[in-house]
C-alpha cells in the first residue's frame, strides 16, 4: 500500500483526517447558508452565488502568499492556523443575523481555505514518490470528497429533520477547532526549511513561467467551475425539483459516495501502476460531466429516473468520475519541484478559486436565462467539452515503467 511505504504513515493519516473534518465542517456550513431556514432564506439565489464567489476571491488573493510562505517557513504552522480560522468563520456564521456579515465571513472562509489547501497538498507531495503519487493524492481527494458528501449531505438531511441551523454551524466550528488541535499534536513538519533567505516573489515567478502550469488552465478551471456549479445549485434543485423521499435521498447520496470512493481508490492505483495521468483525467472528466448532466437534465422527472431501470447508471458514472481526482493531483505533483512545491500547490488553488467564482455565477446566469434545460444542461456540456479538449494538449509527465526500471538498476 502506498501509505505504508511512504514512511510518513501517521502524518498522512492525520492529514487525511483533518481534511475530512475541515471539509465536512465547511460543507455543512454551505448547506446551511443555502437553505431557506438560514436568515429566513435571505441568501437563497444570488446571495448564495455571491457567498460562493467571495470566498474563492479571498482565496485567490492570499493563496500564493500562503503557498510560497510555506516553502519558506514550513507547512505545519500555516496548516494549524487555517483550521482555527475556518472554525472561527463557521462559528460567526452561526451568530450572524444580517446578510452583509455573511459576505464578510465568506472572505474569512477563503483565507482559511487558501492556507489549508496549499499546505496539505504540499505536505502530501513532500511525502510522496513517483511510485505512490496518484494513490496518496487520491486518498486526499477521497477525504475531501467524503467530507463534501458527508458534510453537505448530512447538513441537508439534518435540516430536513428540523435541526436548528445555528446548532449545525456551532458543531462545524467545534470540529474545525478539534482538527487544529490534532494537527498541532500529531502531524510532523514535512518541509526541510533552509536558513538562507528565499524570495516569495521569486518562487511565484518561477512557477508562473512554467509552461506545464499554463497548459493546465483550460483543463482545471472548467472542471472546477462545474464543481462550483453543482455545489451552488444542488440544494435548490433538490428542494425545488426532486420528488423522492428522504430515505431515497440517503440511498442516492450513499450510492454516489460509495461508487466515487471505489473509483478514486481503484483508478489511483491504476494510474500509478501504468505510470499514466492523461487517460485517467479524460476518463474522469467524461464520467463527472455525464453524471452532472444526467442529474440536471432529468431533475424535473427524477422520480421516474430513480424508479426506472436507469438508476444503476448513477453509481457507474460516479465510479468513472473517480478517475479524475488522483490523476489530476498526481500530475500537478509530477511537474512540481521540492523547492517550490508550496507555490505550485498555490497555483492549483488559484485554479480552484477561479473555477469556484465562474461556476456559481455562470450557473445562476444560465439558470435565470434557460432554466434547468437548456440553460444549466448546456453549461455543463460546454465546461466538460472545454476541459477534455484542453487535456489533449497536456504533456504526459509521469515516468514510464522503462525509465523507472532503468533508474533503479543504475
Protein backbone atom coordinates (compact mmCIF):
# COMPACT_ATOMS: atom_id res chain seq x y z
CA UNK A 1 0.00 0.00 0.00
CA UNK A 2 1.36 3.43 -0.91
CA UNK A 3 0.52 4.82 2.53
CA UNK A 4 2.66 2.31 4.44
CA UNK A 5 5.59 2.54 2.03
CA UNK A 6 5.71 6.32 2.21
CA UNK A 7 7.45 6.28 5.61
CA UNK A 8 5.09 9.03 6.83
CA UNK A 9 2.02 6.95 7.63
CA UNK A 10 0.87 8.75 10.81
CA UNK A 11 1.35 12.23 9.34
CA UNK A 12 -0.51 11.27 6.16
CA UNK A 13 -3.37 9.60 8.06
CA UNK A 14 -3.78 12.70 10.21
CA UNK A 15 -3.65 14.97 7.16
CA UNK A 16 -6.46 12.97 5.57
CA UNK A 17 -8.43 13.00 8.82
CA UNK A 18 -8.20 16.76 9.42
CA UNK A 19 -9.01 17.33 5.73
CA UNK A 20 -12.16 15.24 6.08
CA UNK A 21 -13.18 17.10 9.25
CA UNK A 22 -12.46 20.53 7.79
CA UNK A 23 -14.26 19.83 4.51
CA UNK A 24 -17.26 18.32 6.28
CA UNK A 25 -17.46 21.39 8.52
CA UNK A 26 -17.13 23.69 5.53
CA UNK A 27 -19.87 21.99 3.50
CA UNK A 28 -22.23 21.68 6.45
CA UNK A 29 -21.92 25.46 6.57
CA UNK A 30 -22.56 25.78 2.83
CA UNK A 31 -25.64 23.54 3.09
CA UNK A 32 -26.99 25.62 5.97
CA UNK A 33 -26.48 29.06 4.46
CA UNK A 34 -28.01 27.96 1.12
CA UNK A 35 -31.17 26.80 2.88
CA UNK A 36 -34.42 28.71 3.26
CA UNK A 37 -34.05 28.23 7.03
CA UNK A 38 -30.90 30.37 7.32
CA UNK A 39 -31.69 34.06 7.90
CA UNK A 40 -35.19 33.41 6.60
CA UNK A 41 -33.87 32.47 3.17
CA UNK A 42 -32.10 35.83 2.73
CA UNK A 43 -29.20 34.23 0.86
CA UNK A 44 -31.12 31.89 -1.46
CA UNK A 45 -30.41 32.52 -5.15
CA UNK A 46 -27.93 35.28 -5.89
CA UNK A 47 -26.99 35.56 -2.22
CA UNK A 48 -25.59 32.01 -2.20
CA UNK A 49 -23.85 32.66 -5.53
CA UNK A 50 -22.24 35.79 -4.07
CA UNK A 51 -21.04 33.93 -0.96
CA UNK A 52 -19.61 31.17 -3.15
CA UNK A 53 -17.86 33.82 -5.26
CA UNK A 54 -16.46 35.92 -2.39
CA UNK A 55 -14.74 33.04 -0.64
CA UNK A 56 -12.68 31.98 -3.71
CA UNK A 57 -11.85 35.65 -4.41
CA UNK A 58 -10.39 35.85 -0.90
CA UNK A 59 -8.66 32.53 -1.53
CA UNK A 60 -7.21 33.78 -4.80
CA UNK A 61 -5.94 36.92 -3.10
CA UNK A 62 -4.00 35.07 -0.42
CA UNK A 63 -3.22 31.58 -1.70
CA UNK A 64 0.01 32.44 -3.50
CA UNK A 65 1.36 34.05 -0.37
CA UNK A 66 0.50 31.08 1.84
CA UNK A 67 1.87 28.57 -0.67
CA UNK A 68 5.18 30.33 -1.15
CA UNK A 69 5.47 31.22 2.53
CA UNK A 70 5.10 27.54 3.43
CA UNK A 71 8.10 26.90 1.15
CA UNK A 72 9.97 29.45 3.23
CA UNK A 73 8.97 28.71 6.86
CA UNK A 74 7.39 25.26 6.74
CA UNK A 75 3.88 23.82 6.33
CA UNK A 76 2.62 22.91 9.81
CA UNK A 77 2.17 26.37 11.40
CA UNK A 78 0.13 27.61 8.45
CA UNK A 79 -1.95 24.41 8.36
CA UNK A 80 -2.86 24.64 12.05
CA UNK A 81 -3.80 28.32 11.75
CA UNK A 82 -6.01 27.59 8.72
CA UNK A 83 -8.16 25.16 10.70
CA UNK A 84 -8.75 27.61 13.54
CA UNK A 85 -9.61 30.36 11.02
CA UNK A 86 -12.18 28.12 9.30
CA UNK A 87 -13.68 27.16 12.66
CA UNK A 88 -13.97 30.82 13.64
CA UNK A 89 -15.78 31.60 10.38
CA UNK A 90 -18.28 28.75 10.92
CA UNK A 91 -18.97 29.92 14.48
CA UNK A 92 -19.56 33.52 13.35
CA UNK A 93 -21.92 32.29 10.61
CA UNK A 94 -23.93 30.73 13.45
CA UNK A 95 -24.46 34.04 15.23
CA UNK A 96 -24.73 36.31 12.17
CA UNK A 97 -28.10 37.97 11.64
CA UNK A 98 -27.64 40.19 8.59
CA UNK A 99 -26.71 39.36 5.01
CA UNK A 100 -23.65 41.62 4.72
CA UNK A 101 -21.95 39.81 7.61
CA UNK A 102 -22.29 36.52 5.72
CA UNK A 103 -20.40 38.06 2.80
CA UNK A 104 -17.59 39.19 5.10
CA UNK A 105 -17.38 35.75 6.69
CA UNK A 106 -17.19 34.17 3.24
CA UNK A 107 -13.92 36.07 2.83
CA UNK A 108 -12.65 34.59 6.11
CA UNK A 109 -13.57 31.15 4.78
CA UNK A 110 -11.47 31.93 1.69
CA UNK A 111 -8.41 32.77 3.77
CA UNK A 112 -8.82 29.53 5.72
CA UNK A 113 -9.20 27.53 2.50
CA UNK A 114 -6.14 29.15 0.90
CA UNK A 115 -3.85 28.31 3.80
CA UNK A 116 -5.33 24.82 4.28
CA UNK A 117 -5.27 23.54 0.70
CA UNK A 118 -1.76 24.68 -0.21
CA UNK A 119 -0.14 23.33 2.94
CA UNK A 120 -1.98 19.98 2.92
CA UNK A 121 -1.25 19.29 -0.74
CA UNK A 122 2.37 20.32 -0.28
CA UNK A 123 2.79 18.03 2.73
CA UNK A 124 1.31 15.06 0.87
CA UNK A 125 3.53 15.83 -2.13
CA UNK A 126 6.55 16.07 0.21
CA UNK A 127 5.76 12.55 1.44
CA UNK A 128 5.11 11.01 -1.99
CA UNK A 129 7.27 9.37 -4.62
CA UNK A 130 6.72 8.54 -8.28
CA UNK A 131 5.55 5.06 -7.26
CA UNK A 132 2.68 6.12 -4.98
CA UNK A 133 1.87 9.69 -6.00
CA UNK A 134 -1.57 9.14 -7.54
CA UNK A 135 -2.64 6.90 -4.67
CA UNK A 136 -1.61 9.36 -1.95
CA UNK A 137 -3.19 12.27 -3.81
CA UNK A 138 -6.23 10.09 -4.45
CA UNK A 139 -6.61 9.47 -0.72
CA UNK A 140 -6.50 13.24 -0.21
CA UNK A 141 -9.26 13.76 -2.75
CA UNK A 142 -11.11 10.88 -1.16
CA UNK A 143 -11.03 12.57 2.24
CA UNK A 144 -12.05 15.85 0.59
CA UNK A 145 -14.97 14.30 -1.25
CA UNK A 146 -16.05 12.26 1.77
CA UNK A 147 -16.07 15.49 3.73
CA UNK A 148 -18.02 17.18 0.95
CA UNK A 149 -20.58 14.40 0.60
CA UNK A 150 -20.76 13.73 4.32
CA UNK A 151 -20.93 17.37 5.35
CA UNK A 152 -23.19 18.63 2.58
CA UNK A 153 -25.45 15.57 2.62
CA UNK A 154 -25.62 15.47 6.43
CA UNK A 155 -26.37 19.18 6.53
CA UNK A 156 -29.25 18.80 4.08
CA UNK A 157 -30.67 15.74 5.84
CA UNK A 158 -30.45 17.21 9.36
CA UNK A 159 -32.10 20.42 8.18
CA UNK A 160 -34.88 18.34 6.64
CA UNK A 161 -35.37 16.64 10.01
CA UNK A 162 -35.68 20.01 11.76
CA UNK A 163 -32.28 20.59 13.41
CA UNK A 164 -31.60 24.28 14.05
CA UNK A 165 -29.14 25.87 11.58
CA UNK A 166 -27.17 27.53 14.39
CA UNK A 167 -26.53 24.17 16.11
CA UNK A 168 -25.14 22.72 12.89
CA UNK A 169 -22.83 25.72 12.43
CA UNK A 170 -21.57 25.56 16.03
CA UNK A 171 -20.86 21.83 15.60
CA UNK A 172 -18.91 22.59 12.42
CA UNK A 173 -16.87 25.23 14.26
CA UNK A 174 -16.06 22.84 17.09
CA UNK A 175 -14.98 20.13 14.65
CA UNK A 176 -12.56 22.53 12.92
CA UNK A 177 -11.08 23.60 16.24
CA UNK A 178 -10.58 19.94 17.19
CA UNK A 179 -8.79 19.26 13.90
CA UNK A 180 -6.48 22.21 14.62
CA UNK A 181 -5.53 20.70 17.98
CA UNK A 182 -4.89 17.30 16.35
CA UNK A 183 -2.65 19.00 13.80
CA UNK A 184 -0.51 20.60 16.50
CA UNK A 185 -0.20 17.37 18.48
CA UNK A 186 0.16 14.64 15.85
CA UNK A 187 1.29 16.00 12.46
CA UNK A 188 5.00 16.36 11.76
CA UNK A 189 6.60 19.06 9.63
CA UNK A 190 7.46 17.70 6.17
CA UNK A 191 9.32 20.66 4.70
CA UNK A 192 13.07 20.85 5.35
CA UNK A 193 13.46 24.57 6.00
CA UNK A 194 16.78 26.05 4.94
CA UNK A 195 18.01 29.15 6.70
CA UNK A 196 19.09 31.04 3.61
CA UNK A 197 16.73 33.80 2.53
CA UNK A 198 14.13 32.72 -0.02
CA UNK A 199 12.18 35.21 -2.10
CA UNK A 200 8.44 34.56 -2.06
CA UNK A 201 8.01 36.60 -5.24
CA UNK A 202 10.84 34.67 -6.88
CA UNK A 203 9.14 31.37 -6.12
CA UNK A 204 5.88 32.65 -7.58
CA UNK A 205 7.55 33.89 -10.77
CA UNK A 206 9.30 30.54 -11.24
CA UNK A 207 6.01 28.66 -11.07
CA UNK A 208 4.05 31.16 -13.18
CA UNK A 209 6.56 30.82 -16.05
CA UNK A 210 6.20 27.02 -16.15
CA UNK A 211 4.54 26.09 -19.48
CA UNK A 212 3.04 22.95 -17.94
CA UNK A 213 1.22 25.10 -15.39
CA UNK A 214 -0.05 27.35 -18.17
CA UNK A 215 -1.37 24.39 -20.18
CA UNK A 216 -3.40 23.21 -17.19
CA UNK A 217 -5.60 26.33 -17.21
CA UNK A 218 -8.19 25.13 -19.80
CA UNK A 219 -8.46 21.75 -18.03
CA UNK A 220 -8.63 22.54 -14.35
CA UNK A 221 -10.65 25.78 -14.36
CA UNK A 222 -13.63 24.37 -16.36
CA UNK A 223 -13.85 21.20 -14.27
CA UNK A 224 -13.72 23.16 -11.00
CA UNK A 225 -16.30 25.56 -12.44
CA UNK A 226 -18.54 22.53 -12.91
CA UNK A 227 -17.83 21.53 -9.31
CA UNK A 228 -18.85 25.04 -8.19
CA UNK A 229 -21.99 24.81 -10.32
CA UNK A 230 -23.00 21.55 -8.64
CA UNK A 231 -22.33 22.87 -5.13
CA UNK A 232 -24.24 26.11 -5.67
CA UNK A 233 -27.36 24.59 -7.25
CA UNK A 234 -27.73 21.12 -5.69
CA UNK A 235 -29.65 22.20 -2.57
CA UNK A 236 -32.02 24.34 -4.62
CA UNK A 237 -32.59 21.63 -7.25
CA UNK A 238 -33.30 19.01 -4.58
CA UNK A 239 -35.76 21.27 -2.74
CA UNK A 240 -37.50 22.52 -5.90
CA UNK A 241 -37.47 19.55 -8.30
CA UNK A 242 -36.56 16.18 -6.77
CA UNK A 243 -39.72 14.28 -5.91
CA UNK A 244 -38.18 11.49 -3.82
CA UNK A 245 -38.40 10.65 -0.13
CA UNK A 246 -35.73 11.50 2.45
CA UNK A 247 -34.87 7.77 2.64
CA UNK A 248 -34.37 7.59 -1.13
CA UNK A 249 -32.21 10.69 -0.94
CA UNK A 250 -29.98 9.00 1.63
CA UNK A 251 -29.73 5.96 -0.65
CA UNK A 252 -28.84 8.22 -3.60
CA UNK A 253 -26.08 10.01 -1.69
CA UNK A 254 -24.84 6.65 -0.39
CA UNK A 255 -24.67 5.08 -3.85
CA UNK A 256 -22.83 8.03 -5.34
CA UNK A 257 -20.49 8.30 -2.38
CA UNK A 258 -19.52 4.61 -2.33
CA UNK A 259 -19.02 4.47 -6.11
CA UNK A 260 -16.88 7.60 -6.10
CA UNK A 261 -14.75 6.27 -3.23
CA UNK A 262 -14.17 3.00 -5.07
CA UNK A 263 -13.37 4.86 -8.28
CA UNK A 264 -10.76 7.05 -6.60
CA UNK A 265 -9.06 4.08 -4.91
CA UNK A 266 -9.05 1.78 -7.94
CA UNK A 267 -8.14 4.42 -10.52
CA UNK A 268 -5.42 5.91 -8.31
CA UNK A 269 -3.74 2.52 -8.10
CA UNK A 270 -4.09 2.01 -11.86
CA UNK A 271 -2.61 5.44 -12.61
CA UNK A 272 0.46 4.61 -10.51
CA UNK A 273 0.69 1.09 -11.96
CA UNK A 274 0.55 2.24 -15.58
CA UNK A 275 2.50 5.48 -14.91
CA UNK A 276 -0.12 7.44 -16.86
CA UNK A 277 -2.15 10.50 -15.90
CA UNK A 278 -3.83 11.94 -19.02
CA UNK A 279 -6.07 8.95 -19.90
CA UNK A 280 -7.43 8.87 -16.36
CA UNK A 281 -8.00 12.63 -16.36
CA UNK A 282 -10.07 12.38 -19.56
CA UNK A 283 -11.98 9.29 -18.37
CA UNK A 284 -12.88 11.02 -15.12
CA UNK A 285 -13.92 14.22 -16.87
CA UNK A 286 -16.34 12.33 -19.08
CA UNK A 287 -17.81 10.44 -16.10
CA UNK A 288 -18.26 13.56 -13.97
CA UNK A 289 -19.75 15.53 -16.84
CA UNK A 290 -22.19 12.77 -17.78
CA UNK A 291 -23.27 12.39 -14.14
CA UNK A 292 -23.82 16.14 -13.67
CA UNK A 293 -25.69 16.38 -16.98
CA UNK A 294 -27.88 13.40 -16.10
CA UNK A 295 -28.88 14.87 -12.73
CA UNK A 296 -29.51 18.38 -14.08
CA UNK A 297 -31.31 17.46 -17.31
CA UNK A 298 -33.56 14.93 -15.55
CA UNK A 299 -34.21 16.85 -12.32
CA UNK A 300 -37.84 17.63 -13.16
CA UNK A 301 -38.60 13.93 -13.72
CA UNK A 302 -36.03 12.48 -11.35
CA UNK A 303 -38.57 10.27 -9.58
CA UNK A 304 -39.16 8.46 -12.88
CA UNK A 305 -35.42 8.09 -13.46
CA UNK A 306 -34.92 6.86 -9.91
CA UNK A 307 -37.66 4.21 -10.08
CA UNK A 308 -36.85 3.04 -13.62
CA UNK A 309 -34.12 0.70 -14.76
CA UNK A 310 -31.74 3.60 -15.45
CA UNK A 311 -30.70 4.23 -11.84
CA UNK A 312 -27.61 1.93 -12.00
CA UNK A 313 -26.06 4.47 -14.38
CA UNK A 314 -25.64 6.87 -11.45
CA UNK A 315 -23.14 4.78 -9.41
CA UNK A 316 -21.40 3.64 -12.62
CA UNK A 317 -20.80 7.27 -13.62
CA UNK A 318 -19.74 8.04 -10.04
CA UNK A 319 -17.10 5.30 -10.26
CA UNK A 320 -15.83 6.65 -13.59
CA UNK A 321 -15.71 10.19 -12.19
CA UNK A 322 -13.33 8.87 -9.53
CA UNK A 323 -10.62 8.61 -12.20
CA UNK A 324 -10.08 12.37 -12.30
CA UNK A 325 -9.00 13.44 -8.77
CA UNK A 326 -5.98 11.16 -8.17
CA UNK A 327 -4.57 11.53 -11.68
CA UNK A 328 -5.10 15.30 -11.77
CA UNK A 329 -3.39 15.90 -8.44
CA UNK A 330 -0.59 13.45 -9.22
CA UNK A 331 0.03 15.35 -12.48
CA UNK A 332 0.37 18.57 -10.52
CA UNK A 333 2.93 16.92 -8.22
CA UNK A 334 4.78 15.43 -11.20
CA UNK A 335 5.54 18.92 -12.52
CA UNK A 336 6.50 20.46 -9.14
CA UNK A 337 9.93 20.70 -7.54
CA UNK A 338 10.60 20.25 -3.82
CA UNK A 339 11.84 23.84 -3.50
CA UNK A 340 8.70 25.44 -4.95
CA UNK A 341 6.05 22.85 -4.17
CA UNK A 342 4.02 25.17 -1.97
CA UNK A 343 3.95 27.76 -4.74
CA UNK A 344 2.81 25.13 -7.26
CA UNK A 345 0.01 23.99 -4.98
CA UNK A 346 -0.86 27.64 -4.52
CA UNK A 347 -1.31 27.91 -8.27
CA UNK A 348 -3.67 24.93 -8.13
CA UNK A 349 -5.66 26.81 -5.52
CA UNK A 350 -5.80 29.75 -7.91
CA UNK A 351 -7.31 27.38 -10.48
CA UNK A 352 -9.74 26.18 -7.82
CA UNK A 353 -10.69 29.68 -6.73
CA UNK A 354 -11.21 30.86 -10.29
CA UNK A 355 -13.47 27.91 -11.01
CA UNK A 356 -15.44 28.49 -7.82
CA UNK A 357 -16.10 32.07 -8.94
CA UNK A 358 -17.02 31.17 -12.52
CA UNK A 359 -19.13 28.11 -11.64
CA UNK A 360 -21.75 29.55 -9.26
CA UNK A 361 -22.10 32.86 -11.13
CA UNK A 362 -22.38 31.25 -14.57
CA UNK A 363 -24.81 28.67 -13.14
CA UNK A 364 -27.08 31.37 -11.75
CA UNK A 365 -26.99 33.25 -15.05
CA UNK A 366 -27.62 30.12 -17.15
CA UNK A 367 -30.50 29.10 -14.90
CA UNK A 368 -32.07 32.58 -14.98
CA UNK A 369 -31.89 32.59 -18.80
CA UNK A 370 -32.69 28.99 -19.72
CA UNK A 371 -33.76 27.13 -16.58
CA UNK A 372 -32.56 23.60 -15.95
CA UNK A 373 -32.79 22.72 -19.63
CA UNK A 374 -31.34 24.02 -21.85
CA UNK A 375 -29.68 26.58 -19.50
CA UNK A 376 -27.76 24.58 -16.89
CA UNK A 377 -27.57 21.42 -19.03
CA UNK A 378 -25.79 23.21 -21.89
CA UNK A 379 -23.42 24.92 -19.46
CA UNK A 380 -22.43 21.52 -18.02
CA UNK A 381 -21.79 20.14 -21.51
CA UNK A 382 -19.72 23.17 -22.52
CA UNK A 383 -17.48 23.02 -19.43
CA UNK A 384 -16.73 19.33 -19.92
CA UNK A 385 -16.03 19.82 -23.64
CA UNK A 386 -13.52 22.60 -22.92
CA UNK A 387 -11.74 20.53 -20.24
CA UNK A 388 -11.50 17.43 -22.47
CA UNK A 389 -10.08 19.46 -25.37
CA UNK A 390 -7.56 21.07 -23.02
CA UNK A 391 -6.36 17.67 -21.82
CA UNK A 392 -5.27 16.85 -25.39
CA UNK A 393 -2.54 19.49 -25.12
CA UNK A 394 -1.17 18.34 -21.75
CA UNK A 395 2.18 16.58 -21.91
CA UNK A 396 2.33 13.21 -20.15
CA UNK A 397 4.95 13.64 -17.40
CA UNK A 398 4.54 10.56 -15.22
CA UNK A 399 7.74 8.47 -15.51
CA UNK A 400 7.44 5.43 -17.76
CA UNK A 401 7.98 1.93 -16.42
CA UNK A 402 11.07 1.53 -18.59
CA UNK A 403 12.61 4.74 -17.27
CA UNK A 404 11.79 3.81 -13.68
CA UNK A 405 13.38 0.35 -14.06
CA UNK A 406 16.48 1.85 -15.66
CA UNK A 407 16.90 4.32 -12.78
CA UNK A 408 16.50 1.53 -10.19
CA UNK A 409 19.20 -0.59 -11.91
CA UNK A 410 21.65 2.30 -12.16
